[in-house]
Amino acid sequence: MCAIEWDPMSSFEQQIVALQDYLLKFARLQLRNDAWAEDAVSETVVAALAKPQSFGNRSQLKTWLVGILKHKVVDALRHHHREVSGLETSEDAQADPLESIAFHTDGHFVEAPADWGNPEQQASSQQFFAILEACVNKLPATQGRLFLMREWLELSSEEICKELLLTPTNLYVQLHRARLRLRECLELHWYMKPEAT
């Protein structure tokens, strides 16, 4: 008679455990504090395990967990807003070299952006999101954090300025620089440059 091995973790739990490193990476990028990031991920895992029925397979497990984590990160930012380390200004205070080569003095592009094809088709590509994530990770720490707070956590500009004690102008400049760098990175690693005629 064969002994049946009992697996203490269900497939659902194993999938959650497998995604913890991904969740922790994002939480650390946002919170800049290992303890707070680990707390946010732990709370996310506990919430997911406490109510697995709310998952319901209506989306990918990773998407569902990230949705929970978004709320935990926002809660942590609000809870620790006075303790969040100040933004590093040394790397971003200098003039961005991309600005001088990307735009004319009248604000128009020096070189028209590359034809990115049909963005809706590209957005559905997992490869595109992997490259986008790599490009976001290559941003200077401050720019990456602000970009993710604005675009991924969907915090308003007012909330970000209040939480991080920034002026609206500083926030706008940092987001502008982040978007320029992301555009350049995506054009280098994803989109083809138009051929010269």
N, C-alpha and C. Protein backbone atom coordinates (compact mmCIF):
# COMPACT_ATOMS: atom_id res chain seq x y z
N MET A 1 0.84 -1.17 0.00
CA MET A 1 0.00 0.00 0.00
C MET A 1 0.89 1.24 0.00
N CYS A 2 0.59 2.18 -0.88
CA CYS A 2 1.38 3.40 -1.00
C CYS A 2 0.91 4.43 0.00
N ALA A 3 1.87 5.11 0.57
CA ALA A 3 1.54 6.21 1.48
C ALA A 3 1.25 7.45 0.66
N ILE A 4 0.17 8.10 0.98
CA ILE A 4 -0.19 9.33 0.28
C ILE A 4 0.44 10.49 1.03
N GLU A 5 1.21 11.27 0.28
CA GLU A 5 1.84 12.43 0.91
C GLU A 5 0.81 13.53 1.06
N TRP A 6 0.82 14.12 2.22
CA TRP A 6 -0.10 15.22 2.48
C TRP A 6 0.64 16.52 2.26
N ASP A 7 0.13 17.36 1.40
CA ASP A 7 0.74 18.65 1.10
C ASP A 7 0.10 19.69 2.00
N PRO A 8 0.86 20.30 2.92
CA PRO A 8 0.28 21.24 3.86
C PRO A 8 -0.23 22.52 3.19
N MET A 9 0.25 22.84 2.00
CA MET A 9 -0.21 24.05 1.32
C MET A 9 -1.00 23.69 0.08
N SER A 10 -2.14 24.33 -0.08
CA SER A 10 -2.94 24.11 -1.28
C SER A 10 -2.27 24.80 -2.45
N SER A 11 -2.74 24.51 -3.62
CA SER A 11 -2.22 25.14 -4.83
C SER A 11 -2.39 26.66 -4.76
N PHE A 12 -3.51 27.11 -4.23
CA PHE A 12 -3.79 28.55 -4.08
C PHE A 12 -2.73 29.19 -3.19
N GLU A 13 -2.45 28.56 -2.07
CA GLU A 13 -1.45 29.09 -1.14
C GLU A 13 -0.05 29.06 -1.75
N GLN A 14 0.26 28.01 -2.49
CA GLN A 14 1.57 27.92 -3.14
C GLN A 14 1.75 29.03 -4.17
N GLN A 15 0.70 29.34 -4.90
CA GLN A 15 0.78 30.42 -5.89
C GLN A 15 1.00 31.76 -5.20
N ILE A 16 0.35 31.97 -4.08
CA ILE A 16 0.53 33.22 -3.34
C ILE A 16 1.96 33.32 -2.84
N VAL A 17 2.48 32.25 -2.28
CA VAL A 17 3.86 32.24 -1.78
C VAL A 17 4.84 32.53 -2.94
N ALA A 18 4.57 31.97 -4.10
CA ALA A 18 5.44 32.17 -5.26
C ALA A 18 5.46 33.63 -5.72
N LEU A 19 4.41 34.37 -5.44
CA LEU A 19 4.33 35.77 -5.86
C LEU A 19 4.84 36.75 -4.81
N GLN A 20 5.22 36.27 -3.64
CA GLN A 20 5.64 37.17 -2.57
C GLN A 20 6.85 38.02 -2.94
N ASP A 21 7.83 37.46 -3.63
CA ASP A 21 9.01 38.23 -4.00
C ASP A 21 8.65 39.39 -4.92
N TYR A 22 7.75 39.12 -5.86
CA TYR A 22 7.30 40.18 -6.78
C TYR A 22 6.60 41.30 -6.00
N LEU A 23 5.73 40.92 -5.08
CA LEU A 23 5.00 41.91 -4.29
C LEU A 23 5.96 42.71 -3.39
N LEU A 24 6.93 42.03 -2.81
CA LEU A 24 7.89 42.69 -1.93
C LEU A 24 8.75 43.69 -2.70
N LYS A 25 9.12 43.34 -3.90
CA LYS A 25 9.93 44.23 -4.73
C LYS A 25 9.19 45.55 -4.97
N PHE A 26 7.92 45.46 -5.31
CA PHE A 26 7.16 46.69 -5.55
C PHE A 26 6.96 47.47 -4.26
N ALA A 27 6.64 46.79 -3.20
CA ALA A 27 6.40 47.48 -1.92
C ALA A 27 7.67 48.21 -1.46
N ARG A 28 8.82 47.59 -1.63
CA ARG A 28 10.09 48.23 -1.25
C ARG A 28 10.35 49.47 -2.09
N LEU A 29 10.07 49.39 -3.37
CA LEU A 29 10.27 50.53 -4.25
C LEU A 29 9.41 51.71 -3.82
N GLN A 30 8.20 51.44 -3.40
CA GLN A 30 7.29 52.51 -3.00
C GLN A 30 7.58 53.04 -1.61
N LEU A 31 7.81 52.15 -0.67
CA LEU A 31 7.89 52.55 0.73
C LEU A 31 9.30 52.91 1.19
N ARG A 32 10.33 52.44 0.48
CA ARG A 32 11.72 52.73 0.82
C ARG A 32 12.06 52.35 2.26
N ASN A 33 11.39 51.33 2.75
CA ASN A 33 11.64 50.87 4.11
C ASN A 33 11.32 49.38 4.12
N ASP A 34 12.33 48.55 4.36
CA ASP A 34 12.13 47.10 4.29
C ASP A 34 11.06 46.61 5.25
N ALA A 35 11.07 47.13 6.47
CA ALA A 35 10.09 46.67 7.46
C ALA A 35 8.67 47.01 7.03
N TRP A 36 8.46 48.23 6.54
CA TRP A 36 7.12 48.63 6.10
C TRP A 36 6.69 47.80 4.88
N ALA A 37 7.64 47.56 3.97
CA ALA A 37 7.32 46.77 2.78
C ALA A 37 6.93 45.35 3.17
N GLU A 38 7.70 44.75 4.07
CA GLU A 38 7.38 43.39 4.51
C GLU A 38 6.03 43.35 5.22
N ASP A 39 5.74 44.37 6.00
CA ASP A 39 4.43 44.44 6.66
C ASP A 39 3.30 44.52 5.64
N ALA A 40 3.47 45.37 4.63
CA ALA A 40 2.43 45.53 3.61
C ALA A 40 2.19 44.22 2.86
N VAL A 41 3.28 43.52 2.52
CA VAL A 41 3.14 42.25 1.80
C VAL A 41 2.52 41.20 2.72
N SER A 42 2.92 41.17 3.98
CA SER A 42 2.34 40.22 4.93
C SER A 42 0.84 40.45 5.08
N GLU A 43 0.45 41.73 5.20
CA GLU A 43 -0.97 42.05 5.31
C GLU A 43 -1.72 41.64 4.04
N THR A 44 -1.08 41.80 2.89
CA THR A 44 -1.69 41.39 1.62
C THR A 44 -1.91 39.89 1.59
N VAL A 45 -0.90 39.13 1.99
CA VAL A 45 -0.99 37.66 2.00
C VAL A 45 -2.05 37.20 2.99
N VAL A 46 -2.06 37.79 4.18
CA VAL A 46 -3.06 37.42 5.19
C VAL A 46 -4.47 37.72 4.67
N ALA A 47 -4.65 38.89 4.06
CA ALA A 47 -5.97 39.24 3.51
C ALA A 47 -6.39 38.26 2.42
N ALA A 48 -5.45 37.87 1.57
CA ALA A 48 -5.77 36.93 0.49
C ALA A 48 -6.12 35.56 1.03
N LEU A 49 -5.36 35.10 2.02
CA LEU A 49 -5.62 33.77 2.59
C LEU A 49 -6.88 33.75 3.45
N ALA A 50 -7.21 34.90 4.03
CA ALA A 50 -8.41 34.96 4.87
C ALA A 50 -9.69 34.87 4.05
N LYS A 51 -9.66 35.38 2.84
CA LYS A 51 -10.86 35.38 2.00
C LYS A 51 -10.54 34.89 0.59
N PRO A 52 -10.15 33.63 0.45
CA PRO A 52 -9.83 33.13 -0.90
C PRO A 52 -11.04 33.13 -1.83
N GLN A 53 -12.23 33.06 -1.25
CA GLN A 53 -13.45 33.05 -2.07
C GLN A 53 -13.65 34.38 -2.80
N SER A 54 -13.07 35.47 -2.28
CA SER A 54 -13.24 36.75 -2.96
C SER A 54 -12.39 36.84 -4.22
N PHE A 55 -11.43 35.93 -4.38
CA PHE A 55 -10.64 35.89 -5.62
C PHE A 55 -11.53 35.47 -6.77
N GLY A 56 -12.17 34.36 -6.66
CA GLY A 56 -13.16 33.90 -7.63
C GLY A 56 -12.67 33.71 -9.05
N ASN A 57 -11.37 33.70 -9.31
CA ASN A 57 -10.82 33.49 -10.65
C ASN A 57 -11.35 34.48 -11.69
N ARG A 58 -11.74 35.67 -11.25
CA ARG A 58 -12.23 36.67 -12.20
C ARG A 58 -11.08 37.42 -12.87
N SER A 59 -9.88 37.25 -12.34
CA SER A 59 -8.67 37.85 -12.92
C SER A 59 -7.51 36.92 -12.60
N GLN A 60 -6.32 37.31 -13.01
CA GLN A 60 -5.15 36.52 -12.64
C GLN A 60 -4.88 36.74 -11.16
N LEU A 61 -4.35 35.73 -10.52
CA LEU A 61 -4.05 35.83 -9.09
C LEU A 61 -3.08 36.99 -8.82
N LYS A 62 -2.09 37.16 -9.68
CA LYS A 62 -1.12 38.24 -9.51
C LYS A 62 -1.82 39.60 -9.54
N THR A 63 -2.74 39.79 -10.45
CA THR A 63 -3.48 41.05 -10.56
C THR A 63 -4.30 41.30 -9.31
N TRP A 64 -4.94 40.26 -8.81
CA TRP A 64 -5.77 40.39 -7.60
C TRP A 64 -4.91 40.75 -6.40
N LEU A 65 -3.76 40.09 -6.25
CA LEU A 65 -2.86 40.38 -5.13
C LEU A 65 -2.29 41.79 -5.22
N VAL A 66 -1.96 42.20 -6.42
CA VAL A 66 -1.43 43.55 -6.61
C VAL A 66 -2.49 44.59 -6.24
N GLY A 67 -3.74 44.32 -6.56
CA GLY A 67 -4.82 45.22 -6.17
C GLY A 67 -4.91 45.37 -4.65
N ILE A 68 -4.77 44.27 -3.95
CA ILE A 68 -4.79 44.33 -2.48
C ILE A 68 -3.57 45.09 -1.98
N LEU A 69 -2.41 44.80 -2.57
CA LEU A 69 -1.17 45.45 -2.14
C LEU A 69 -1.21 46.96 -2.36
N LYS A 70 -1.84 47.39 -3.45
CA LYS A 70 -1.95 48.83 -3.70
C LYS A 70 -2.57 49.53 -2.51
N HIS A 71 -3.63 48.96 -1.98
CA HIS A 71 -4.31 49.57 -0.83
C HIS A 71 -3.44 49.53 0.42
N LYS A 72 -2.72 48.43 0.60
CA LYS A 72 -1.84 48.31 1.77
C LYS A 72 -0.69 49.32 1.70
N VAL A 73 -0.15 49.54 0.51
CA VAL A 73 0.94 50.52 0.34
C VAL A 73 0.43 51.93 0.60
N VAL A 74 -0.73 52.25 0.06
CA VAL A 74 -1.31 53.59 0.30
C VAL A 74 -1.56 53.78 1.79
N ASP A 75 -2.11 52.75 2.45
CA ASP A 75 -2.33 52.84 3.89
C ASP A 75 -1.02 53.06 4.64
N ALA A 76 0.03 52.34 4.24
CA ALA A 76 1.33 52.49 4.91
C ALA A 76 1.90 53.88 4.67
N LEU A 77 1.76 54.39 3.44
CA LEU A 77 2.25 55.75 3.15
C LEU A 77 1.54 56.77 4.03
N ARG A 78 0.25 56.62 4.17
CA ARG A 78 -0.51 57.56 4.98
C ARG A 78 -0.16 57.42 6.46
N HIS A 79 0.01 56.19 6.89
CA HIS A 79 0.32 55.94 8.30
C HIS A 79 1.70 56.47 8.68
N HIS A 80 2.66 56.30 7.78
CA HIS A 80 4.04 56.66 8.08
C HIS A 80 4.47 57.94 7.38
N HIS A 81 3.53 58.78 6.96
CA HIS A 81 3.89 59.92 6.11
C HIS A 81 4.94 60.83 6.74
N ARG A 82 5.01 60.92 8.02
CA ARG A 82 6.02 61.77 8.66
C ARG A 82 7.38 61.09 8.71
N GLU A 83 7.38 59.75 8.60
CA GLU A 83 8.63 59.02 8.71
C GLU A 83 9.27 58.70 7.37
N VAL A 84 8.53 58.90 6.28
CA VAL A 84 9.07 58.56 4.96
C VAL A 84 10.32 59.40 4.73
N SER A 85 11.37 58.73 4.35
CA SER A 85 12.62 59.45 4.16
C SER A 85 12.46 60.48 3.05
N GLY A 86 13.14 61.61 3.23
CA GLY A 86 13.06 62.70 2.26
C GLY A 86 13.57 62.24 0.91
N LEU A 87 13.10 62.89 -0.10
CA LEU A 87 13.52 62.54 -1.44
C LEU A 87 14.96 62.97 -1.68
N GLU A 88 15.70 62.13 -2.35
CA GLU A 88 17.06 62.48 -2.69
C GLU A 88 16.99 63.49 -3.82
N THR A 89 17.71 64.59 -3.65
CA THR A 89 17.64 65.62 -4.69
C THR A 89 18.91 65.71 -5.49
N SER A 90 19.98 65.10 -5.04
CA SER A 90 21.25 65.26 -5.73
C SER A 90 21.20 64.74 -7.16
N GLU A 91 20.58 63.58 -7.38
CA GLU A 91 20.55 63.01 -8.72
C GLU A 91 19.56 63.71 -9.63
N ASP A 92 18.52 64.31 -9.05
CA ASP A 92 17.49 64.92 -9.87
C ASP A 92 17.59 66.43 -9.93
N ALA A 93 18.41 67.03 -9.08
CA ALA A 93 18.50 68.48 -9.05
C ALA A 93 19.21 69.03 -10.27
N GLN A 94 20.10 68.24 -10.83
CA GLN A 94 20.82 68.69 -12.01
C GLN A 94 19.88 68.69 -13.20
N ALA A 95 20.21 69.51 -14.17
CA ALA A 95 19.39 69.57 -15.38
C ALA A 95 19.40 68.21 -16.06
N ASP A 96 18.26 67.81 -16.53
CA ASP A 96 18.13 66.52 -17.20
C ASP A 96 18.68 66.64 -18.62
N PRO A 97 19.67 65.85 -18.98
CA PRO A 97 20.25 65.97 -20.32
C PRO A 97 19.26 65.63 -21.42
N LEU A 98 18.25 64.84 -21.13
CA LEU A 98 17.25 64.51 -22.15
C LEU A 98 16.45 65.73 -22.58
N GLU A 99 16.22 66.66 -21.65
CA GLU A 99 15.42 67.82 -21.99
C GLU A 99 16.08 68.68 -23.04
N SER A 100 17.39 68.83 -22.97
CA SER A 100 18.07 69.70 -23.91
C SER A 100 18.15 69.10 -25.30
N ILE A 101 18.12 67.78 -25.42
CA ILE A 101 18.20 67.17 -26.75
C ILE A 101 16.86 66.72 -27.29
N ALA A 102 15.84 66.66 -26.45
CA ALA A 102 14.55 66.14 -26.89
C ALA A 102 13.61 67.21 -27.39
N PHE A 103 13.78 68.47 -26.95
CA PHE A 103 12.83 69.51 -27.28
C PHE A 103 13.50 70.77 -27.83
N HIS A 104 12.78 71.42 -28.73
CA HIS A 104 13.18 72.76 -29.18
C HIS A 104 12.78 73.74 -28.08
N THR A 105 13.26 74.98 -28.19
CA THR A 105 12.92 75.97 -27.18
C THR A 105 11.43 76.29 -27.15
N ASP A 106 10.73 76.02 -28.28
CA ASP A 106 9.29 76.27 -28.30
C ASP A 106 8.48 75.11 -27.71
N GLY A 107 9.18 74.06 -27.22
CA GLY A 107 8.49 72.96 -26.56
C GLY A 107 8.16 71.78 -27.46
N HIS A 108 8.38 71.89 -28.75
CA HIS A 108 8.09 70.79 -29.67
C HIS A 108 9.26 69.81 -29.68
N PHE A 109 8.96 68.55 -30.00
CA PHE A 109 10.00 67.54 -30.07
C PHE A 109 11.01 67.88 -31.16
N VAL A 110 12.29 67.64 -30.88
CA VAL A 110 13.33 67.80 -31.88
C VAL A 110 13.12 66.73 -32.95
N GLU A 111 12.87 65.52 -32.51
CA GLU A 111 12.61 64.40 -33.41
C GLU A 111 11.25 63.82 -33.04
N ALA A 112 10.39 63.65 -34.03
CA ALA A 112 9.05 63.12 -33.75
C ALA A 112 9.16 61.75 -33.09
N PRO A 113 8.26 61.46 -32.16
CA PRO A 113 8.29 60.14 -31.52
C PRO A 113 8.13 59.02 -32.56
N ALA A 114 8.72 57.89 -32.28
CA ALA A 114 8.63 56.75 -33.19
C ALA A 114 7.18 56.28 -33.28
N ASP A 115 6.85 55.67 -34.40
CA ASP A 115 5.51 55.10 -34.57
C ASP A 115 5.44 53.85 -33.71
N TRP A 116 4.58 53.88 -32.71
CA TRP A 116 4.49 52.76 -31.78
C TRP A 116 3.42 51.76 -32.19
N GLY A 117 2.91 51.88 -33.38
CA GLY A 117 1.90 50.93 -33.86
C GLY A 117 0.59 51.10 -33.12
N ASN A 118 -0.11 50.00 -32.93
CA ASN A 118 -1.39 50.03 -32.24
C ASN A 118 -1.16 49.79 -30.74
N PRO A 119 -1.23 50.85 -29.93
CA PRO A 119 -0.93 50.68 -28.51
C PRO A 119 -1.82 49.67 -27.80
N GLU A 120 -3.07 49.53 -28.24
CA GLU A 120 -3.96 48.57 -27.57
C GLU A 120 -3.48 47.14 -27.77
N GLN A 121 -2.99 46.83 -28.96
CA GLN A 121 -2.45 45.49 -29.18
C GLN A 121 -1.17 45.29 -28.38
N GLN A 122 -0.31 46.31 -28.36
CA GLN A 122 0.95 46.20 -27.63
C GLN A 122 0.71 46.07 -26.13
N ALA A 123 -0.30 46.79 -25.62
CA ALA A 123 -0.55 46.77 -24.18
C ALA A 123 -0.93 45.39 -23.68
N SER A 124 -1.46 44.57 -24.56
CA SER A 124 -1.88 43.24 -24.14
C SER A 124 -0.71 42.26 -24.09
N SER A 125 0.43 42.68 -24.54
CA SER A 125 1.58 41.80 -24.60
C SER A 125 2.30 41.73 -23.25
N GLN A 126 2.51 40.51 -22.77
CA GLN A 126 3.23 40.35 -21.51
C GLN A 126 4.68 40.78 -21.65
N GLN A 127 5.24 40.60 -22.85
CA GLN A 127 6.61 41.02 -23.08
C GLN A 127 6.73 42.53 -22.93
N PHE A 128 5.74 43.26 -23.44
CA PHE A 128 5.75 44.71 -23.30
C PHE A 128 5.79 45.11 -21.83
N PHE A 129 4.95 44.47 -21.01
CA PHE A 129 4.90 44.82 -19.59
C PHE A 129 6.20 44.45 -18.88
N ALA A 130 6.84 43.38 -19.30
CA ALA A 130 8.13 43.02 -18.70
C ALA A 130 9.17 44.09 -19.02
N ILE A 131 9.17 44.59 -20.25
CA ILE A 131 10.11 45.64 -20.64
C ILE A 131 9.76 46.94 -19.95
N LEU A 132 8.48 47.26 -19.86
CA LEU A 132 8.05 48.47 -19.16
C LEU A 132 8.49 48.42 -17.70
N GLU A 133 8.31 47.29 -17.05
CA GLU A 133 8.72 47.15 -15.65
C GLU A 133 10.23 47.33 -15.51
N ALA A 134 11.00 46.77 -16.45
CA ALA A 134 12.46 46.93 -16.41
C ALA A 134 12.83 48.40 -16.60
N CYS A 135 12.13 49.10 -17.49
CA CYS A 135 12.41 50.52 -17.71
C CYS A 135 12.07 51.34 -16.46
N VAL A 136 10.96 51.04 -15.81
CA VAL A 136 10.60 51.75 -14.58
C VAL A 136 11.66 51.50 -13.51
N ASN A 137 12.16 50.27 -13.42
CA ASN A 137 13.18 49.94 -12.43
C ASN A 137 14.50 50.65 -12.70
N LYS A 138 14.74 51.06 -13.96
CA LYS A 138 15.98 51.78 -14.30
C LYS A 138 15.89 53.27 -14.03
N LEU A 139 14.69 53.76 -13.74
CA LEU A 139 14.55 55.18 -13.43
C LEU A 139 15.32 55.51 -12.15
N PRO A 140 15.78 56.75 -12.02
CA PRO A 140 16.34 57.15 -10.72
C PRO A 140 15.29 56.89 -9.63
N ALA A 141 15.75 56.57 -8.45
CA ALA A 141 14.84 56.13 -7.38
C ALA A 141 13.68 57.10 -7.15
N THR A 142 13.96 58.38 -7.09
CA THR A 142 12.91 59.37 -6.82
C THR A 142 11.89 59.39 -7.94
N GLN A 143 12.37 59.42 -9.18
CA GLN A 143 11.46 59.46 -10.32
C GLN A 143 10.61 58.20 -10.40
N GLY A 144 11.23 57.04 -10.17
CA GLY A 144 10.49 55.79 -10.21
C GLY A 144 9.40 55.75 -9.16
N ARG A 145 9.73 56.20 -7.98
CA ARG A 145 8.76 56.20 -6.89
C ARG A 145 7.59 57.12 -7.19
N LEU A 146 7.89 58.34 -7.63
CA LEU A 146 6.82 59.30 -7.94
C LEU A 146 5.97 58.82 -9.10
N PHE A 147 6.60 58.27 -10.13
CA PHE A 147 5.85 57.78 -11.29
C PHE A 147 4.89 56.66 -10.87
N LEU A 148 5.37 55.73 -10.06
CA LEU A 148 4.51 54.62 -9.62
C LEU A 148 3.39 55.11 -8.70
N MET A 149 3.70 56.08 -7.84
CA MET A 149 2.66 56.62 -6.97
C MET A 149 1.55 57.26 -7.79
N ARG A 150 1.95 57.98 -8.83
CA ARG A 150 0.96 58.71 -9.65
C ARG A 150 0.21 57.77 -10.60
N GLU A 151 0.95 56.93 -11.31
CA GLU A 151 0.35 56.13 -12.37
C GLU A 151 -0.15 54.77 -11.91
N TRP A 152 0.54 54.14 -10.96
CA TRP A 152 0.15 52.79 -10.56
C TRP A 152 -0.74 52.81 -9.34
N LEU A 153 -0.36 53.60 -8.34
CA LEU A 153 -1.21 53.71 -7.15
C LEU A 153 -2.36 54.68 -7.37
N GLU A 154 -2.27 55.47 -8.43
CA GLU A 154 -3.31 56.41 -8.83
C GLU A 154 -3.59 57.46 -7.76
N LEU A 155 -2.53 57.87 -7.05
CA LEU A 155 -2.69 58.95 -6.08
C LEU A 155 -2.75 60.27 -6.85
N SER A 156 -3.51 61.20 -6.33
CA SER A 156 -3.59 62.50 -6.99
C SER A 156 -2.30 63.27 -6.73
N SER A 157 -2.06 64.27 -7.56
CA SER A 157 -0.87 65.11 -7.39
C SER A 157 -0.88 65.77 -6.02
N GLU A 158 -2.06 66.19 -5.59
CA GLU A 158 -2.18 66.84 -4.28
C GLU A 158 -1.79 65.88 -3.16
N GLU A 159 -2.24 64.62 -3.25
CA GLU A 159 -1.90 63.63 -2.22
C GLU A 159 -0.40 63.38 -2.18
N ILE A 160 0.21 63.25 -3.35
CA ILE A 160 1.65 62.98 -3.40
C ILE A 160 2.42 64.14 -2.81
N CYS A 161 2.05 65.36 -3.21
CA CYS A 161 2.74 66.55 -2.68
C CYS A 161 2.60 66.63 -1.17
N LYS A 162 1.42 66.33 -0.67
CA LYS A 162 1.18 66.39 0.78
C LYS A 162 1.98 65.31 1.50
N GLU A 163 1.96 64.10 0.98
CA GLU A 163 2.63 62.98 1.64
C GLU A 163 4.15 63.16 1.65
N LEU A 164 4.73 63.70 0.56
CA LEU A 164 6.18 63.77 0.44
C LEU A 164 6.73 65.19 0.57
N LEU A 165 5.84 66.12 0.93
CA LEU A 165 6.24 67.51 1.15
C LEU A 165 6.94 68.10 -0.08
N LEU A 166 6.31 67.92 -1.24
CA LEU A 166 6.83 68.45 -2.51
C LEU A 166 5.97 69.62 -2.96
N THR A 167 6.57 70.48 -3.75
CA THR A 167 5.77 71.52 -4.39
C THR A 167 5.18 70.91 -5.66
N PRO A 168 4.05 71.41 -6.12
CA PRO A 168 3.47 70.89 -7.37
C PRO A 168 4.44 71.01 -8.54
N THR A 169 5.21 72.08 -8.58
CA THR A 169 6.17 72.27 -9.67
C THR A 169 7.24 71.19 -9.64
N ASN A 170 7.78 70.90 -8.46
CA ASN A 170 8.79 69.85 -8.33
C ASN A 170 8.23 68.51 -8.77
N LEU A 171 7.02 68.20 -8.34
CA LEU A 171 6.38 66.94 -8.73
C LEU A 171 6.23 66.87 -10.24
N TYR A 172 5.74 67.96 -10.85
CA TYR A 172 5.54 67.98 -12.30
C TYR A 172 6.86 67.75 -13.03
N VAL A 173 7.92 68.41 -12.58
CA VAL A 173 9.22 68.26 -13.23
C VAL A 173 9.71 66.83 -13.11
N GLN A 174 9.59 66.23 -11.93
CA GLN A 174 10.06 64.86 -11.73
C GLN A 174 9.26 63.86 -12.58
N LEU A 175 7.95 64.05 -12.65
CA LEU A 175 7.11 63.16 -13.47
C LEU A 175 7.44 63.34 -14.95
N HIS A 176 7.68 64.58 -15.36
CA HIS A 176 8.03 64.86 -16.75
C HIS A 176 9.34 64.14 -17.11
N ARG A 177 10.33 64.24 -16.24
CA ARG A 177 11.61 63.58 -16.49
C ARG A 177 11.46 62.07 -16.52
N ALA A 178 10.64 61.54 -15.63
CA ALA A 178 10.42 60.08 -15.60
C ALA A 178 9.78 59.62 -16.91
N ARG A 179 8.81 60.37 -17.38
CA ARG A 179 8.13 59.98 -18.64
C ARG A 179 9.08 60.06 -19.83
N LEU A 180 9.95 61.08 -19.84
CA LEU A 180 10.94 61.18 -20.92
C LEU A 180 11.87 59.98 -20.91
N ARG A 181 12.34 59.62 -19.73
CA ARG A 181 13.25 58.47 -19.64
C ARG A 181 12.55 57.17 -20.01
N LEU A 182 11.30 57.03 -19.61
CA LEU A 182 10.55 55.82 -19.98
C LEU A 182 10.36 55.76 -21.49
N ARG A 183 10.04 56.89 -22.08
CA ARG A 183 9.87 56.93 -23.53
C ARG A 183 11.15 56.50 -24.22
N GLU A 184 12.28 57.06 -23.78
CA GLU A 184 13.55 56.71 -24.39
C GLU A 184 13.86 55.22 -24.21
N CYS A 185 13.64 54.70 -23.03
CA CYS A 185 13.91 53.29 -22.74
C CYS A 185 13.03 52.38 -23.59
N LEU A 186 11.74 52.72 -23.69
CA LEU A 186 10.84 51.90 -24.49
C LEU A 186 11.21 51.94 -25.97
N GLU A 187 11.62 53.11 -26.44
CA GLU A 187 12.02 53.20 -27.84
C GLU A 187 13.28 52.39 -28.11
N LEU A 188 14.17 52.34 -27.14
CA LEU A 188 15.40 51.56 -27.31
C LEU A 188 15.17 50.06 -27.23
N HIS A 189 14.28 49.66 -26.34
CA HIS A 189 14.14 48.23 -26.05
C HIS A 189 12.86 47.58 -26.57
N TRP A 190 11.93 48.36 -27.06
CA TRP A 190 10.67 47.76 -27.49
C TRP A 190 10.25 48.21 -28.88
N TYR A 191 10.08 49.51 -29.05
CA TYR A 191 9.56 50.02 -30.31
C TYR A 191 10.69 50.24 -31.30
N MET A 192 10.39 49.96 -32.55
CA MET A 192 11.37 50.14 -33.60
C MET A 192 11.41 51.61 -33.99
N LYS A 193 12.59 52.14 -34.20
CA LYS A 193 12.73 53.50 -34.71
C LYS A 193 12.31 53.52 -36.18
N PRO A 194 11.65 54.61 -36.62
CA PRO A 194 11.29 54.67 -38.04
C PRO A 194 12.55 54.69 -38.90
N GLU A 195 12.48 54.00 -40.01
CA GLU A 195 13.64 53.94 -40.91
C GLU A 195 13.80 55.28 -41.62
N ALA A 196 15.05 55.68 -41.80
CA ALA A 196 15.32 56.93 -42.51
C ALA A 196 14.98 56.76 -43.98
N THR A 197 14.38 57.78 -44.56
CA THR A 197 14.01 57.67 -45.99
C THR A 197 14.92 58.48 -46.83
